[in-house]
Amino acid sequence: MSDSINNELQESEDHEILNDANMMTNEKWQAIIDNDASYNNQFFYAVKTTGIFCKPSCKSRVPKKENVRIFLNAEQALHANFRPCKRCKPTNERLPDSEWVALITEYIDKNFIEKLTLETLADIAHGSPYHLHRTFKKIKGITPVEYIQQVRVNAAKKDLIQTNKAIADISICVGMPNTPYFITLFKKKTGHTPAQYRQLRQMSKMEEL
């Protein structure tokens, strides 16, 4: 019985946090746009697409309003699995490099179809391009651009094996609309052109049968 009551209380508490998180007002939105420091500690805002939360005064790029969640305190944002911004430090602590890079790799994994540059990633991750490049390479052993290429090539491999899509269509689907560049990069990374890779995989499957 007590477990049931505890569960209900926890659900109620979570529900209240969710309600608080949705309390966006025009005043709060204006404070975010203006980077208004007078609202610091009155509320915090998180961006669903990046998994990062900030003080209203944060100088980072203004996010899309529909992607923003409002929290009354930093603990609520952390409870909802958002991570503190490296630029404005909403918890007054520095986010570990490994956690920051994990957020960036997760963003790349989910959005590799988009046009991603070092500058746009740095903007999204609330850091400088130089710091992002250096920190990412230190943690992952490769640069952000190399990681993006790796993710796109891996996605292309799946499409080549699992679908009959044309090479040009696959290049678009993995975020590289320039087909000749896609073919060149794919060969550089795998040793084969996309067409050769598909043919080899098909032959391999036939031999298995």
C-alpha atoms as a PDB file:
ATOM      1  CA  MET A   1       0.000   0.000   0.000  1.00  0.00           C
ATOM      2  CA  SER A   2       2.774   2.426   0.940  1.00  0.00           C
ATOM      3  CA  ASP A   3       4.588   1.672  -2.342  1.00  0.00           C
ATOM      4  CA  SER A   4       1.424   2.577  -4.224  1.00  0.00           C
ATOM      5  CA  ILE A   5       1.138   5.871  -2.338  1.00  0.00           C
ATOM      6  CA  ASN A   6       4.804   6.637  -2.971  1.00  0.00           C
ATOM      7  CA  ASN A   7       4.347   5.950  -6.677  1.00  0.00           C
ATOM      8  CA  GLU A   8       1.331   8.254  -6.796  1.00  0.00           C
ATOM      9  CA  LEU A   9       3.265  10.989  -5.009  1.00  0.00           C
ATOM     10  CA  GLN A  10       6.186  10.576  -7.433  1.00  0.00           C
ATOM     11  CA  GLU A  11       3.827  10.710 -10.426  1.00  0.00           C
ATOM     12  CA  SER A  12       2.179  13.809  -8.965  1.00  0.00           C
ATOM     13  CA  GLU A  13       5.583  15.430  -8.441  1.00  0.00           C
ATOM     14  CA  ASP A  14       6.675  14.556 -11.986  1.00  0.00           C
ATOM     15  CA  HIS A  15       3.405  15.935 -13.326  1.00  0.00           C
ATOM     16  CA  GLU A  16       3.950  19.209 -11.469  1.00  0.00           C
ATOM     17  CA  ILE A  17       7.460  19.469 -12.911  1.00  0.00           C
ATOM     18  CA  LEU A  18       6.092  18.892 -16.401  1.00  0.00           C
ATOM     19  CA  ASN A  19       3.446  21.565 -15.835  1.00  0.00           C
ATOM     20  CA  ASP A  20       6.091  23.986 -14.579  1.00  0.00           C
ATOM     21  CA  ALA A  21       8.243  23.133 -17.584  1.00  0.00           C
ATOM     22  CA  ASN A  22       5.496  24.232 -19.957  1.00  0.00           C
ATOM     23  CA  MET A  23       5.003  27.649 -18.367  1.00  0.00           C
ATOM     24  CA  MET A  24       6.316  29.737 -21.230  1.00  0.00           C
ATOM     25  CA  THR A  25       5.075  33.334 -21.216  1.00  0.00           C
ATOM     26  CA  ASN A  26       5.708  36.262 -23.554  1.00  0.00           C
ATOM     27  CA  GLU A  27       7.716  37.892 -20.776  1.00  0.00           C
ATOM     28  CA  LYS A  28      10.011  34.869 -20.394  1.00  0.00           C
ATOM     29  CA  TRP A  29      10.407  34.513 -24.153  1.00  0.00           C
ATOM     30  CA  GLN A  30      11.371  38.182 -24.457  1.00  0.00           C
ATOM     31  CA  ALA A  31      13.922  37.718 -21.650  1.00  0.00           C
ATOM     32  CA  ILE A  32      15.498  34.834 -23.598  1.00  0.00           C
ATOM     33  CA  ILE A  33      15.612  36.875 -26.822  1.00  0.00           C
ATOM     34  CA  ASP A  34      17.152  39.850 -25.001  1.00  0.00           C
ATOM     35  CA  ASN A  35      19.618  37.731 -22.918  1.00  0.00           C
ATOM     36  CA  ASP A  36      18.155  39.597 -19.932  1.00  0.00           C
ATOM     37  CA  ALA A  37      20.339  38.922 -16.868  1.00  0.00           C
ATOM     38  CA  SER A  38      17.703  40.375 -14.527  1.00  0.00           C
ATOM     39  CA  TYR A  39      15.717  37.129 -15.030  1.00  0.00           C
ATOM     40  CA  ASN A  40      18.603  34.865 -13.995  1.00  0.00           C
ATOM     41  CA  ASN A  41      17.552  32.541 -11.152  1.00  0.00           C
ATOM     42  CA  GLN A  42      13.880  33.373 -11.821  1.00  0.00           C
ATOM     43  CA  PHE A  43      13.747  30.609 -14.416  1.00  0.00           C
ATOM     44  CA  PHE A  44      15.937  28.499 -16.708  1.00  0.00           C
ATOM     45  CA  TYR A  45      15.262  27.414 -20.275  1.00  0.00           C
ATOM     46  CA  ALA A  46      16.168  24.177 -22.017  1.00  0.00           C
ATOM     47  CA  VAL A  47      16.299  23.337 -25.729  1.00  0.00           C
ATOM     48  CA  LYS A  48      14.834  19.938 -26.600  1.00  0.00           C
ATOM     49  CA  THR A  49      16.870  19.515 -29.797  1.00  0.00           C
ATOM     50  CA  THR A  50      20.249  19.950 -28.080  1.00  0.00           C
ATOM     51  CA  GLY A  51      19.574  18.621 -24.563  1.00  0.00           C
ATOM     52  CA  ILE A  52      21.151  21.767 -23.049  1.00  0.00           C
ATOM     53  CA  PHE A  53      19.690  24.234 -20.536  1.00  0.00           C
ATOM     54  CA  CYS A  54      20.696  27.849 -19.934  1.00  0.00           C
ATOM     55  CA  LYS A  55      20.228  31.001 -17.926  1.00  0.00           C
ATOM     56  CA  PRO A  56      18.031  33.641 -19.610  1.00  0.00           C
ATOM     57  CA  SER A  57      21.172  35.786 -20.036  1.00  0.00           C
ATOM     58  CA  CYS A  58      22.975  33.167 -22.171  1.00  0.00           C
ATOM     59  CA  LYS A  59      24.506  34.727 -25.298  1.00  0.00           C
ATOM     60  CA  SER A  60      23.924  31.618 -27.400  1.00  0.00           C
ATOM     61  CA  ARG A  61      21.808  31.665 -30.552  1.00  0.00           C
ATOM     62  CA  VAL A  62      18.090  32.106 -29.838  1.00  0.00           C
ATOM     63  CA  PRO A  63      16.407  28.697 -30.249  1.00  0.00           C
ATOM     64  CA  LYS A  64      13.074  28.006 -31.928  1.00  0.00           C
ATOM     65  CA  LYS A  65      10.306  28.793 -29.457  1.00  0.00           C
ATOM     66  CA  GLU A  66       8.592  25.424 -29.947  1.00  0.00           C
ATOM     67  CA  ASN A  67      11.791  23.632 -28.867  1.00  0.00           C
ATOM     68  CA  VAL A  68      12.074  25.501 -25.563  1.00  0.00           C
ATOM     69  CA  ARG A  69      11.059  24.194 -22.132  1.00  0.00           C
ATOM     70  CA  ILE A  70      10.896  26.423 -19.067  1.00  0.00           C
ATOM     71  CA  PHE A  71      12.099  25.299 -15.622  1.00  0.00           C
ATOM     72  CA  LEU A  72      11.808  27.104 -12.304  1.00  0.00           C
ATOM     73  CA  ASN A  73      15.226  25.900 -11.152  1.00  0.00           C
ATOM     74  CA  ALA A  74      18.301  24.045 -12.396  1.00  0.00           C
ATOM     75  CA  GLU A  75      17.403  20.903 -10.431  1.00  0.00           C
ATOM     76  CA  GLN A  76      14.204  20.468 -12.468  1.00  0.00           C
ATOM     77  CA  ALA A  77      16.150  20.766 -15.721  1.00  0.00           C
ATOM     78  CA  LEU A  78      18.700  18.203 -14.537  1.00  0.00           C
ATOM     79  CA  HIS A  79      15.867  15.915 -13.385  1.00  0.00           C
ATOM     80  CA  ALA A  80      14.461  16.088 -16.931  1.00  0.00           C
ATOM     81  CA  ASN A  81      17.884  14.931 -18.255  1.00  0.00           C
ATOM     82  CA  PHE A  82      19.060  18.257 -19.681  1.00  0.00           C
ATOM     83  CA  ARG A  83      22.715  19.189 -19.294  1.00  0.00           C
ATOM     84  CA  PRO A  84      24.084  22.612 -18.261  1.00  0.00           C
ATOM     85  CA  CYS A  85      25.385  24.955 -20.953  1.00  0.00           C
ATOM     86  CA  LYS A  86      29.182  25.292 -21.076  1.00  0.00           C
ATOM     87  CA  ARG A  87      28.895  28.973 -21.959  1.00  0.00           C
ATOM     88  CA  CYS A  88      26.560  30.384 -19.269  1.00  0.00           C
ATOM     89  CA  LYS A  89      27.071  27.633 -16.600  1.00  0.00           C
ATOM     90  CA  PRO A  90      23.523  27.621 -15.133  1.00  0.00           C
ATOM     91  CA  THR A  91      24.592  25.398 -12.226  1.00  0.00           C
ATOM     92  CA  ASN A  92      27.770  27.466 -11.737  1.00  0.00           C
ATOM     93  CA  GLU A  93      29.721  24.300 -12.509  1.00  0.00           C
ATOM     94  CA  ARG A  94      31.606  23.344 -15.644  1.00  0.00           C
ATOM     95  CA  LEU A  95      30.079  20.595 -17.768  1.00  0.00           C
ATOM     96  CA  PRO A  96      32.665  17.802 -18.194  1.00  0.00           C
ATOM     97  CA  ASP A  97      34.135  17.641 -21.705  1.00  0.00           C
ATOM     98  CA  SER A  98      33.026  14.023 -22.139  1.00  0.00           C
ATOM     99  CA  GLU A  99      29.377  14.930 -21.427  1.00  0.00           C
ATOM    100  CA  TRP A 100      29.556  17.928 -23.767  1.00  0.00           C
ATOM    101  CA  VAL A 101      30.962  15.816 -26.598  1.00  0.00           C
ATOM    102  CA  ALA A 102      28.331  13.127 -25.908  1.00  0.00           C
ATOM    103  CA  LEU A 103      25.606  15.749 -26.438  1.00  0.00           C
ATOM    104  CA  ILE A 104      27.204  16.834 -29.715  1.00  0.00           C
ATOM    105  CA  THR A 105      27.605  13.280 -31.049  1.00  0.00           C
ATOM    106  CA  GLU A 106      23.985  12.537 -30.133  1.00  0.00           C
ATOM    107  CA  TYR A 107      22.889  15.640 -32.042  1.00  0.00           C
ATOM    108  CA  ILE A 108      24.925  14.570 -35.091  1.00  0.00           C
ATOM    109  CA  ASP A 109      23.528  11.020 -34.923  1.00  0.00           C
ATOM    110  CA  LYS A 110      19.957  12.381 -35.002  1.00  0.00           C
ATOM    111  CA  ASN A 111      20.493  15.225 -37.500  1.00  0.00           C
ATOM    112  CA  PHE A 112      23.209  14.060 -39.931  1.00  0.00           C
ATOM    113  CA  ILE A 113      20.854  14.663 -42.867  1.00  0.00           C
ATOM    114  CA  GLU A 114      20.991  18.410 -42.169  1.00  0.00           C
ATOM    115  CA  LYS A 115      23.769  20.723 -43.353  1.00  0.00           C
ATOM    116  CA  LEU A 116      26.238  20.505 -40.463  1.00  0.00           C
ATOM    117  CA  THR A 117      29.398  22.592 -40.213  1.00  0.00           C
ATOM    118  CA  LEU A 118      31.815  23.139 -37.350  1.00  0.00           C
ATOM    119  CA  GLU A 119      30.351  26.636 -36.921  1.00  0.00           C
ATOM    120  CA  THR A 120      26.711  25.489 -36.740  1.00  0.00           C
ATOM    121  CA  LEU A 121      27.602  22.681 -34.322  1.00  0.00           C
ATOM    122  CA  ALA A 122      29.521  25.093 -32.092  1.00  0.00           C
ATOM    123  CA  ASP A 123      26.560  27.465 -32.122  1.00  0.00           C
ATOM    124  CA  ILE A 124      24.140  24.681 -31.216  1.00  0.00           C
ATOM    125  CA  ALA A 125      26.471  23.338 -28.502  1.00  0.00           C
ATOM    126  CA  HIS A 126      27.126  26.802 -27.025  1.00  0.00           C
ATOM    127  CA  GLY A 127      30.883  26.902 -27.555  1.00  0.00           C
ATOM    128  CA  SER A 128      33.489  28.211 -30.001  1.00  0.00           C
ATOM    129  CA  PRO A 129      34.369  26.278 -33.205  1.00  0.00           C
ATOM    130  CA  TYR A 130      38.026  26.053 -32.139  1.00  0.00           C
ATOM    131  CA  HIS A 131      37.191  24.716 -28.665  1.00  0.00           C
ATOM    132  CA  LEU A 132      34.661  22.256 -30.101  1.00  0.00           C
ATOM    133  CA  HIS A 133      37.138  20.950 -32.698  1.00  0.00           C
ATOM    134  CA  ARG A 134      39.926  20.524 -30.132  1.00  0.00           C
ATOM    135  CA  THR A 135      37.748  19.005 -27.378  1.00  0.00           C
ATOM    136  CA  PHE A 136      35.885  16.650 -29.722  1.00  0.00           C
ATOM    137  CA  LYS A 137      39.144  15.293 -31.161  1.00  0.00           C
ATOM    138  CA  LYS A 138      40.587  14.855 -27.657  1.00  0.00           C
ATOM    139  CA  ILE A 139      37.570  12.786 -26.540  1.00  0.00           C
ATOM    140  CA  LYS A 140      36.680  10.891 -29.737  1.00  0.00           C
ATOM    141  CA  GLY A 141      40.047  10.682 -31.505  1.00  0.00           C
ATOM    142  CA  ILE A 142      38.574  12.224 -34.676  1.00  0.00           C
ATOM    143  CA  THR A 143      37.304  15.692 -35.597  1.00  0.00           C
ATOM    144  CA  PRO A 144      33.574  16.582 -35.650  1.00  0.00           C
ATOM    145  CA  VAL A 145      33.671  16.751 -39.468  1.00  0.00           C
ATOM    146  CA  GLU A 146      35.254  13.282 -39.669  1.00  0.00           C
ATOM    147  CA  TYR A 147      32.585  11.955 -37.288  1.00  0.00           C
ATOM    148  CA  ILE A 148      29.797  13.438 -39.442  1.00  0.00           C
ATOM    149  CA  GLN A 149      31.334  11.786 -42.523  1.00  0.00           C
ATOM    150  CA  GLN A 150      31.579   8.462 -40.674  1.00  0.00           C
ATOM    151  CA  VAL A 151      27.904   8.584 -39.622  1.00  0.00           C
ATOM    152  CA  ARG A 152      26.793   9.458 -43.152  1.00  0.00           C
ATOM    153  CA  VAL A 153      28.852   6.696 -44.769  1.00  0.00           C
ATOM    154  CA  ASN A 154      27.505   4.143 -42.278  1.00  0.00           C
ATOM    155  CA  ALA A 155      23.940   5.257 -43.050  1.00  0.00           C
ATOM    156  CA  ALA A 156      24.688   4.972 -46.786  1.00  0.00           C
ATOM    157  CA  LYS A 157      25.989   1.423 -46.299  1.00  0.00           C
ATOM    158  CA  LYS A 158      22.681   0.403 -44.733  1.00  0.00           C
ATOM    159  CA  ASP A 159      20.697   1.939 -47.586  1.00  0.00           C
ATOM    160  CA  LEU A 160      22.912   0.269 -50.200  1.00  0.00           C
ATOM    161  CA  ILE A 161      22.381  -3.134 -48.585  1.00  0.00           C
ATOM    162  CA  GLN A 162      18.742  -2.866 -47.509  1.00  0.00           C
ATOM    163  CA  THR A 163      17.176  -0.839 -50.355  1.00  0.00           C
ATOM    164  CA  ASN A 164      17.222  -0.507 -54.132  1.00  0.00           C
ATOM    165  CA  LYS A 165      17.483   3.288 -53.999  1.00  0.00           C
ATOM    166  CA  ALA A 166      19.557   5.003 -56.679  1.00  0.00           C
ATOM    167  CA  ILE A 167      23.002   6.222 -55.603  1.00  0.00           C
ATOM    168  CA  ALA A 168      21.936   9.859 -56.101  1.00  0.00           C
ATOM    169  CA  ASP A 169      18.888   9.325 -53.848  1.00  0.00           C
ATOM    170  CA  ILE A 170      21.019   7.723 -51.136  1.00  0.00           C
ATOM    171  CA  SER A 171      23.472  10.632 -51.234  1.00  0.00           C
ATOM    172  CA  ILE A 172      20.570  13.027 -50.577  1.00  0.00           C
ATOM    173  CA  CYS A 173      19.146  10.783 -47.833  1.00  0.00           C
ATOM    174  CA  VAL A 174      22.425  10.844 -45.883  1.00  0.00           C
ATOM    175  CA  GLY A 175      22.924  14.603 -46.094  1.00  0.00           C
ATOM    176  CA  MET A 176      25.289  14.801 -49.087  1.00  0.00           C
ATOM    177  CA  PRO A 177      23.269  16.082 -52.061  1.00  0.00           C
ATOM    178  CA  ASN A 178      26.431  16.459 -54.187  1.00  0.00           C
ATOM    179  CA  THR A 179      26.534  12.937 -55.650  1.00  0.00           C
ATOM    180  CA  PRO A 180      30.109  13.048 -57.095  1.00  0.00           C
ATOM    181  CA  TYR A 181      31.414  14.247 -53.708  1.00  0.00           C
ATOM    182  CA  PHE A 182      29.427  11.497 -51.953  1.00  0.00           C
ATOM    183  CA  ILE A 183      30.904   8.816 -54.258  1.00  0.00           C
ATOM    184  CA  THR A 184      34.446  10.167 -53.741  1.00  0.00           C
ATOM    185  CA  LEU A 185      34.071  10.285 -49.958  1.00  0.00           C
ATOM    186  CA  PHE A 186      32.467   6.825 -49.812  1.00  0.00           C
ATOM    187  CA  LYS A 187      35.355   5.319 -51.802  1.00  0.00           C
ATOM    188  CA  LYS A 188      37.899   7.116 -49.615  1.00  0.00           C
ATOM    189  CA  LYS A 189      36.289   5.694 -46.452  1.00  0.00           C
ATOM    190  CA  THR A 190      35.507   2.156 -47.675  1.00  0.00           C
ATOM    191  CA  GLY A 191      37.851   1.476 -50.585  1.00  0.00           C
ATOM    192  CA  HIS A 192      34.890   0.976 -52.936  1.00  0.00           C
ATOM    193  CA  THR A 193      32.417   3.163 -54.802  1.00  0.00           C
ATOM    194  CA  PRO A 194      28.802   2.873 -53.583  1.00  0.00           C
ATOM    195  CA  ALA A 195      27.905   0.771 -56.645  1.00  0.00           C
ATOM    196  CA  GLN A 196      30.869  -1.577 -56.055  1.00  0.00           C
ATOM    197  CA  TYR A 197      29.995  -1.860 -52.368  1.00  0.00           C
ATOM    198  CA  ARG A 198      26.385  -2.811 -53.168  1.00  0.00           C
ATOM    199  CA  GLN A 199      27.524  -5.357 -55.766  1.00  0.00           C
ATOM    200  CA  LEU A 200      30.038  -6.945 -53.386  1.00  0.00           C
ATOM    201  CA  ARG A 201      27.429  -7.240 -50.632  1.00  0.00           C
ATOM    202  CA  GLN A 202      24.938  -8.807 -53.035  1.00  0.00           C
ATOM    203  CA  MET A 203      27.546 -11.323 -54.209  1.00  0.00           C
ATOM    204  CA  SER A 204      28.409 -12.090 -50.595  1.00  0.00           C
ATOM    205  CA  LYS A 205      24.737 -12.788 -49.834  1.00  0.00           C
ATOM    206  CA  MET A 206      24.442 -15.079 -52.879  1.00  0.00           C
ATOM    207  CA  GLU A 207      27.464 -17.060 -51.710  1.00  0.00           C
ATOM    208  CA  GLU A 208      25.913 -17.444 -48.260  1.00  0.00           C
ATOM    209  CA  LEU A 209      22.788 -18.921 -49.852  1.00  0.00           C
END
